[in-house]
């Protein structure tokens, strides 16, 4: 039970857990790609957005990535952006 589990932590600990969970969820969107693809990924955190940079990204992966990164956007109150470099 998520609620019972989170009752064990302070507010700050809960925020950290939720943020890390959201990052893992977004990363899960790249799971079906090769290790080489995942190692060629970068991230920039700005005041209003979190931008992920990929060496190469297919339209299917981009769609999956955005679906999986919704929670990260909600928790951080930042837009999630994605581009190839």
C-alpha atoms as a PDB file:
ATOM      1  CA  UNK A   1       0.000   0.000   0.000  1.00  0.00           C
ATOM      2  CA  UNK A   2       1.604   3.224  -1.193  1.00  0.00           C
ATOM      3  CA  UNK A   3      -0.015   5.416   1.483  1.00  0.00           C
ATOM      4  CA  UNK A   4       1.097   3.208   4.368  1.00  0.00           C
ATOM      5  CA  UNK A   5       4.586   2.990   2.909  1.00  0.00           C
ATOM      6  CA  UNK A   6       4.930   6.761   2.572  1.00  0.00           C
ATOM      7  CA  UNK A   7       3.709   7.397   6.143  1.00  0.00           C
ATOM      8  CA  UNK A   8       7.096   6.105   7.325  1.00  0.00           C
ATOM      9  CA  UNK A   9       8.980   9.036   5.768  1.00  0.00           C
ATOM     10  CA  UNK A  10       9.333  12.752   6.406  1.00  0.00           C
ATOM     11  CA  UNK A  11       7.990  15.242   3.864  1.00  0.00           C
ATOM     12  CA  UNK A  12      11.494  15.833   2.473  1.00  0.00           C
ATOM     13  CA  UNK A  13      12.118  12.080   2.142  1.00  0.00           C
ATOM     14  CA  UNK A  14       8.777  11.668   0.350  1.00  0.00           C
ATOM     15  CA  UNK A  15       9.698  14.408  -2.117  1.00  0.00           C
ATOM     16  CA  UNK A  16      13.012  12.691  -2.863  1.00  0.00           C
ATOM     17  CA  UNK A  17      11.323   9.303  -3.293  1.00  0.00           C
ATOM     18  CA  UNK A  18       8.707  10.737  -5.656  1.00  0.00           C
ATOM     19  CA  UNK A  19      11.307  12.599  -7.718  1.00  0.00           C
ATOM     20  CA  UNK A  20      13.564   9.571  -8.062  1.00  0.00           C
ATOM     21  CA  UNK A  21      10.587   7.384  -8.931  1.00  0.00           C
ATOM     22  CA  UNK A  22       9.553   9.808 -11.662  1.00  0.00           C
ATOM     23  CA  UNK A  23      13.090   9.867 -13.104  1.00  0.00           C
ATOM     24  CA  UNK A  24      13.127   6.064 -13.162  1.00  0.00           C
ATOM     25  CA  UNK A  25       9.739   6.006 -14.854  1.00  0.00           C
ATOM     26  CA  UNK A  26      10.962   8.358 -17.601  1.00  0.00           C
ATOM     27  CA  UNK A  27      14.105   6.248 -18.042  1.00  0.00           C
ATOM     28  CA  UNK A  28      11.900   3.175 -18.338  1.00  0.00           C
ATOM     29  CA  UNK A  29      10.588   4.686 -21.570  1.00  0.00           C
ATOM     30  CA  UNK A  30      13.954   3.928 -23.193  1.00  0.00           C
ATOM     31  CA  UNK A  31      14.141   0.310 -22.019  1.00  0.00           C
ATOM     32  CA  UNK A  32      13.719  -1.316 -25.407  1.00  0.00           C
ATOM     33  CA  UNK A  33      16.619   0.554 -26.993  1.00  0.00           C
ATOM     34  CA  UNK A  34      20.231  -0.608 -27.044  1.00  0.00           C
ATOM     35  CA  UNK A  35      22.794   0.182 -24.347  1.00  0.00           C
ATOM     36  CA  UNK A  36      24.632   2.400 -26.840  1.00  0.00           C
ATOM     37  CA  UNK A  37      21.528   4.551 -27.232  1.00  0.00           C
ATOM     38  CA  UNK A  38      21.044   4.962 -23.510  1.00  0.00           C
ATOM     39  CA  UNK A  39      24.701   5.943 -22.963  1.00  0.00           C
ATOM     40  CA  UNK A  40      24.234   8.756 -25.497  1.00  0.00           C
ATOM     41  CA  UNK A  41      21.637  10.623 -23.486  1.00  0.00           C
ATOM     42  CA  UNK A  42      22.018  13.931 -21.676  1.00  0.00           C
ATOM     43  CA  UNK A  43      19.854  16.158 -19.538  1.00  0.00           C
ATOM     44  CA  UNK A  44      19.677  19.877 -18.747  1.00  0.00           C
ATOM     45  CA  UNK A  45      17.541  21.216 -15.942  1.00  0.00           C
ATOM     46  CA  UNK A  46      16.365  24.782 -16.366  1.00  0.00           C
ATOM     47  CA  UNK A  47      14.015  26.966 -14.346  1.00  0.00           C
ATOM     48  CA  UNK A  48      10.896  26.019 -16.317  1.00  0.00           C
ATOM     49  CA  UNK A  49      11.880  22.808 -18.121  1.00  0.00           C
ATOM     50  CA  UNK A  50      13.855  19.585 -18.034  1.00  0.00           C
ATOM     51  CA  UNK A  51      15.381  18.876 -21.429  1.00  0.00           C
ATOM     52  CA  UNK A  52      16.607  15.440 -22.447  1.00  0.00           C
ATOM     53  CA  UNK A  53      19.092  15.174 -25.312  1.00  0.00           C
ATOM     54  CA  UNK A  54      19.413  11.980 -27.301  1.00  0.00           C
ATOM     55  CA  UNK A  55      21.981  11.028 -29.925  1.00  0.00           C
ATOM     56  CA  UNK A  56      19.160   9.425 -31.875  1.00  0.00           C
ATOM     57  CA  UNK A  57      15.494   8.908 -31.084  1.00  0.00           C
ATOM     58  CA  UNK A  58      12.748   7.255 -33.091  1.00  0.00           C
ATOM     59  CA  UNK A  59       9.237   8.753 -33.191  1.00  0.00           C
ATOM     60  CA  UNK A  60       7.901   5.670 -31.354  1.00  0.00           C
ATOM     61  CA  UNK A  61      10.464   6.034 -28.582  1.00  0.00           C
ATOM     62  CA  UNK A  62       9.816   9.764 -28.299  1.00  0.00           C
ATOM     63  CA  UNK A  63       6.095   9.106 -27.798  1.00  0.00           C
ATOM     64  CA  UNK A  64       6.789   6.405 -25.214  1.00  0.00           C
ATOM     65  CA  UNK A  65       9.285   8.651 -23.425  1.00  0.00           C
ATOM     66  CA  UNK A  66       6.764  11.518 -23.124  1.00  0.00           C
ATOM     67  CA  UNK A  67       4.061   9.184 -21.787  1.00  0.00           C
ATOM     68  CA  UNK A  68       6.451   7.828 -19.155  1.00  0.00           C
ATOM     69  CA  UNK A  69       7.748  11.283 -18.176  1.00  0.00           C
ATOM     70  CA  UNK A  70       4.369  12.801 -17.225  1.00  0.00           C
ATOM     71  CA  UNK A  71       4.908  12.047 -13.538  1.00  0.00           C
ATOM     72  CA  UNK A  72       8.315  13.772 -13.614  1.00  0.00           C
ATOM     73  CA  UNK A  73       6.639  16.867 -15.077  1.00  0.00           C
ATOM     74  CA  UNK A  74       3.916  16.815 -12.409  1.00  0.00           C
ATOM     75  CA  UNK A  75       6.339  16.441  -9.504  1.00  0.00           C
ATOM     76  CA  UNK A  76       8.796  19.101 -10.671  1.00  0.00           C
ATOM     77  CA  UNK A  77       6.242  21.510 -12.183  1.00  0.00           C
ATOM     78  CA  UNK A  78       8.488  21.685 -15.244  1.00  0.00           C
ATOM     79  CA  UNK A  79       7.879  20.962 -18.910  1.00  0.00           C
ATOM     80  CA  UNK A  80       9.656  17.914 -20.288  1.00  0.00           C
ATOM     81  CA  UNK A  81      11.413  18.476 -23.590  1.00  0.00           C
ATOM     82  CA  UNK A  82      13.238  16.059 -25.831  1.00  0.00           C
ATOM     83  CA  UNK A  83      15.586  16.628 -28.765  1.00  0.00           C
ATOM     84  CA  UNK A  84      18.314  14.981 -30.808  1.00  0.00           C
ATOM     85  CA  UNK A  85      21.824  16.414 -30.725  1.00  0.00           C
END
